[in-house]
N, C-alpha and C. Protein backbone atom coordinates (compact mmCIF):
# COMPACT_ATOMS: atom_id res chain seq x y z
N MET A 1 119.68 214.77 101.15
CA MET A 1 119.68 214.26 99.80
C MET A 1 120.11 215.35 98.81
N ASP A 2 119.74 216.58 99.10
CA ASP A 2 120.11 217.69 98.22
C ASP A 2 121.61 217.92 98.25
N ASP A 3 122.25 217.69 99.42
CA ASP A 3 123.70 217.84 99.52
C ASP A 3 124.42 216.82 98.65
N LYS A 4 123.87 215.61 98.59
CA LYS A 4 124.49 214.56 97.78
C LYS A 4 124.43 214.92 96.30
N LYS A 5 123.29 215.44 95.83
CA LYS A 5 123.16 215.85 94.43
C LYS A 5 124.10 217.02 94.13
N ASN A 6 124.23 217.93 95.08
CA ASN A 6 125.12 219.07 94.94
C ASN A 6 126.57 218.60 94.81
N ALA A 7 126.96 217.65 95.65
CA ALA A 7 128.32 217.12 95.62
C ALA A 7 128.58 216.36 94.33
N GLU A 8 127.60 215.58 93.85
CA GLU A 8 127.78 214.85 92.60
C GLU A 8 127.92 215.80 91.42
N ALA A 9 127.13 216.85 91.39
CA ALA A 9 127.23 217.84 90.31
C ALA A 9 128.59 218.55 90.36
N TYR A 10 129.05 218.84 91.57
CA TYR A 10 130.36 219.48 91.75
C TYR A 10 131.46 218.61 91.17
N TRP A 11 131.47 217.32 91.53
CA TRP A 11 132.54 216.44 91.06
C TRP A 11 132.43 216.15 89.57
N LYS A 12 131.20 216.10 89.05
CA LYS A 12 131.03 215.88 87.62
C LYS A 12 131.62 217.05 86.83
N GLU A 13 131.36 218.27 87.28
CA GLU A 13 131.91 219.44 86.62
C GLU A 13 133.43 219.52 86.80
N ASN A 14 133.90 219.15 87.98
CA ASN A 14 135.34 219.13 88.25
C ASN A 14 136.05 218.14 87.31
N LEU A 15 135.50 216.96 87.14
CA LEU A 15 136.09 215.97 86.25
C LEU A 15 136.07 216.44 84.80
N ARG A 16 135.02 217.14 84.41
CA ARG A 16 134.96 217.68 83.05
C ARG A 16 136.10 218.67 82.83
N TYR A 17 136.33 219.55 83.81
CA TYR A 17 137.45 220.50 83.72
C TYR A 17 138.78 219.77 83.61
N LEU A 18 138.95 218.75 84.44
CA LEU A 18 140.21 217.99 84.42
C LEU A 18 140.46 217.32 83.08
N ILE A 19 139.44 216.72 82.52
CA ILE A 19 139.59 216.03 81.23
C ILE A 19 139.96 217.02 80.13
N ILE A 20 139.30 218.17 80.12
CA ILE A 20 139.59 219.19 79.10
C ILE A 20 141.03 219.70 79.25
N LEU A 21 141.41 220.06 80.47
CA LEU A 21 142.74 220.62 80.69
C LEU A 21 143.85 219.60 80.45
N LEU A 22 143.64 218.36 80.85
CA LEU A 22 144.64 217.33 80.60
C LEU A 22 144.74 217.00 79.12
N SER A 23 143.64 217.10 78.39
CA SER A 23 143.69 216.90 76.94
C SER A 23 144.51 217.99 76.28
N ILE A 24 144.33 219.23 76.72
CA ILE A 24 145.12 220.33 76.18
C ILE A 24 146.60 220.10 76.48
N TRP A 25 146.90 219.67 77.70
CA TRP A 25 148.30 219.43 78.06
C TRP A 25 148.88 218.28 77.23
N PHE A 26 148.10 217.23 76.99
CA PHE A 26 148.55 216.12 76.18
C PHE A 26 148.88 216.59 74.76
N LEU A 27 147.99 217.39 74.18
CA LEU A 27 148.22 217.89 72.82
C LEU A 27 149.46 218.78 72.76
N ALA A 28 149.66 219.59 73.80
CA ALA A 28 150.82 220.50 73.81
C ALA A 28 152.12 219.74 74.04
N SER A 29 152.11 218.77 74.93
CA SER A 29 153.36 218.07 75.24
C SER A 29 153.64 216.93 74.28
N TYR A 30 152.76 215.97 74.22
CA TYR A 30 152.99 214.80 73.37
C TYR A 30 152.72 215.12 71.90
N GLY A 31 151.61 215.81 71.65
CA GLY A 31 151.25 216.12 70.26
C GLY A 31 152.25 217.04 69.59
N ALA A 32 152.46 218.22 70.18
CA ALA A 32 153.34 219.21 69.55
C ALA A 32 154.80 218.80 69.63
N GLY A 33 155.20 218.14 70.71
CA GLY A 33 156.60 217.77 70.87
C GLY A 33 157.00 216.51 70.14
N ILE A 34 156.04 215.60 69.88
CA ILE A 34 156.39 214.32 69.27
C ILE A 34 155.61 214.05 67.98
N LEU A 35 154.28 214.06 68.07
CA LEU A 35 153.47 213.68 66.92
C LEU A 35 153.53 214.68 65.77
N PHE A 36 153.42 215.96 66.08
CA PHE A 36 153.39 217.00 65.05
C PHE A 36 154.72 217.74 64.92
N ARG A 37 155.79 217.12 65.40
CA ARG A 37 157.10 217.75 65.43
C ARG A 37 157.58 218.15 64.04
N GLU A 38 157.45 217.26 63.09
CA GLU A 38 157.95 217.54 61.73
C GLU A 38 157.23 218.73 61.11
N ALA A 39 155.92 218.79 61.26
CA ALA A 39 155.16 219.91 60.69
C ALA A 39 155.51 221.22 61.40
N LEU A 40 155.69 221.16 62.71
CA LEU A 40 156.00 222.37 63.48
C LEU A 40 157.43 222.84 63.26
N ASN A 41 158.32 221.93 62.89
CA ASN A 41 159.72 222.31 62.69
C ASN A 41 159.93 223.22 61.48
N GLU A 42 158.90 223.39 60.68
CA GLU A 42 158.99 224.32 59.55
C GLU A 42 158.97 225.77 60.03
N PHE A 43 158.50 225.99 61.24
CA PHE A 43 158.43 227.34 61.82
C PHE A 43 159.50 227.48 62.88
N ARG A 44 159.91 228.72 63.12
CA ARG A 44 160.94 228.98 64.13
C ARG A 44 160.41 229.94 65.17
N LEU A 45 160.88 229.75 66.40
CA LEU A 45 160.52 230.62 67.52
C LEU A 45 161.80 230.89 68.30
N GLY A 46 162.25 232.12 68.30
CA GLY A 46 163.48 232.48 69.01
C GLY A 46 164.71 231.79 68.44
N GLY A 47 164.69 231.49 67.15
CA GLY A 47 165.84 230.85 66.52
C GLY A 47 165.80 229.32 66.57
N PHE A 48 164.83 228.76 67.27
CA PHE A 48 164.72 227.31 67.40
C PHE A 48 163.52 226.80 66.59
N LYS A 49 163.63 225.58 66.12
CA LYS A 49 162.49 224.97 65.44
C LYS A 49 161.35 224.82 66.43
N LEU A 50 160.12 225.08 65.96
CA LEU A 50 158.97 225.11 66.87
C LEU A 50 158.70 223.75 67.52
N GLY A 51 158.89 222.66 66.80
CA GLY A 51 158.70 221.33 67.38
C GLY A 51 159.68 221.08 68.52
N PHE A 52 160.93 221.46 68.32
CA PHE A 52 161.94 221.33 69.37
C PHE A 52 161.59 222.22 70.56
N TRP A 53 161.15 223.46 70.27
CA TRP A 53 160.82 224.39 71.35
C TRP A 53 159.69 223.84 72.21
N PHE A 54 158.64 223.29 71.59
CA PHE A 54 157.54 222.71 72.36
C PHE A 54 158.01 221.52 73.19
N ALA A 55 158.86 220.70 72.63
CA ALA A 55 159.35 219.53 73.37
C ALA A 55 160.19 219.95 74.56
N GLN A 56 160.95 221.03 74.45
CA GLN A 56 161.85 221.44 75.52
C GLN A 56 161.24 222.42 76.50
N GLN A 57 160.51 223.42 76.02
CA GLN A 57 160.02 224.48 76.90
C GLN A 57 158.53 224.73 76.79
N GLY A 58 157.99 224.65 75.60
CA GLY A 58 156.60 225.03 75.37
C GLY A 58 155.61 224.25 76.21
N SER A 59 155.82 222.95 76.34
CA SER A 59 154.88 222.14 77.12
C SER A 59 154.93 222.51 78.60
N ILE A 60 156.08 222.95 79.08
CA ILE A 60 156.19 223.39 80.48
C ILE A 60 155.41 224.69 80.68
N TYR A 61 155.55 225.63 79.73
CA TYR A 61 154.79 226.88 79.82
C TYR A 61 153.29 226.61 79.77
N VAL A 62 152.88 225.72 78.88
CA VAL A 62 151.46 225.37 78.77
C VAL A 62 150.99 224.76 80.07
N PHE A 63 151.78 223.89 80.68
CA PHE A 63 151.40 223.26 81.94
C PHE A 63 151.22 224.30 83.05
N VAL A 64 152.11 225.26 83.15
CA VAL A 64 152.00 226.30 84.18
C VAL A 64 150.75 227.14 83.94
N ILE A 65 150.48 227.48 82.69
CA ILE A 65 149.27 228.25 82.36
C ILE A 65 148.02 227.45 82.72
N LEU A 66 148.03 226.16 82.44
CA LEU A 66 146.88 225.32 82.77
C LEU A 66 146.67 225.22 84.28
N ILE A 67 147.73 225.24 85.06
CA ILE A 67 147.59 225.24 86.52
C ILE A 67 146.86 226.50 86.97
N VAL A 68 147.25 227.66 86.42
CA VAL A 68 146.60 228.92 86.77
C VAL A 68 145.13 228.90 86.35
N VAL A 69 144.85 228.39 85.15
CA VAL A 69 143.47 228.29 84.68
C VAL A 69 142.66 227.38 85.59
N TYR A 70 143.24 226.24 85.98
CA TYR A 70 142.54 225.30 86.86
C TYR A 70 142.23 225.94 88.22
N ILE A 71 143.15 226.70 88.75
CA ILE A 71 142.91 227.38 90.03
C ILE A 71 141.73 228.33 89.91
N ARG A 72 141.71 229.11 88.84
CA ARG A 72 140.61 230.07 88.65
C ARG A 72 139.27 229.34 88.46
N LEU A 73 139.29 228.26 87.66
CA LEU A 73 138.06 227.50 87.44
C LEU A 73 137.55 226.88 88.74
N MET A 74 138.47 226.35 89.54
CA MET A 74 138.05 225.72 90.79
C MET A 74 137.53 226.74 91.80
N ASN A 75 138.12 227.92 91.83
CA ASN A 75 137.60 228.96 92.72
C ASN A 75 136.18 229.34 92.34
N LYS A 76 135.91 229.46 91.04
CA LYS A 76 134.55 229.75 90.58
C LYS A 76 133.60 228.60 90.89
N LEU A 77 134.08 227.38 90.69
CA LEU A 77 133.26 226.20 90.95
C LEU A 77 132.94 226.08 92.44
N ASP A 78 133.93 226.34 93.29
CA ASP A 78 133.70 226.29 94.74
C ASP A 78 132.64 227.31 95.16
N LYS A 79 132.71 228.50 94.60
CA LYS A 79 131.70 229.52 94.93
C LYS A 79 130.33 229.13 94.42
N LYS A 80 130.29 228.56 93.24
CA LYS A 80 129.01 228.15 92.63
C LYS A 80 128.28 227.13 93.48
N TYR A 81 129.01 226.18 94.05
CA TYR A 81 128.40 225.11 94.82
C TYR A 81 128.49 225.33 96.34
N GLY A 82 129.00 226.46 96.76
CA GLY A 82 129.03 226.79 98.18
C GLY A 82 130.13 226.11 98.97
N TYR A 83 131.21 225.75 98.32
CA TYR A 83 132.33 225.11 99.02
C TYR A 83 133.49 226.06 99.24
N ASP A 84 133.29 227.34 98.97
CA ASP A 84 134.37 228.31 99.16
C ASP A 84 134.59 228.56 100.64
N GLU A 85 135.75 229.15 100.93
CA GLU A 85 136.13 229.33 102.34
C GLU A 85 135.31 230.38 102.98
């Protein structure tokens, strides 16, 4: 019974991480590239308008960074609940 509670707590925390990280990705890709494009276009990054930059490259960079963050979080979570290798 204790293993079941441990597994439920593990998945609950895992889902919390996923929701947070996917929300960040949504804000970076859809929000910055589409919804807030006009406001961001007032700023420039590398000669390009910031809204355009997020739509073309920024959301990809954010996604790669979020993958690295997720890997680190999951390694810590696995150790916390005893599921590490």
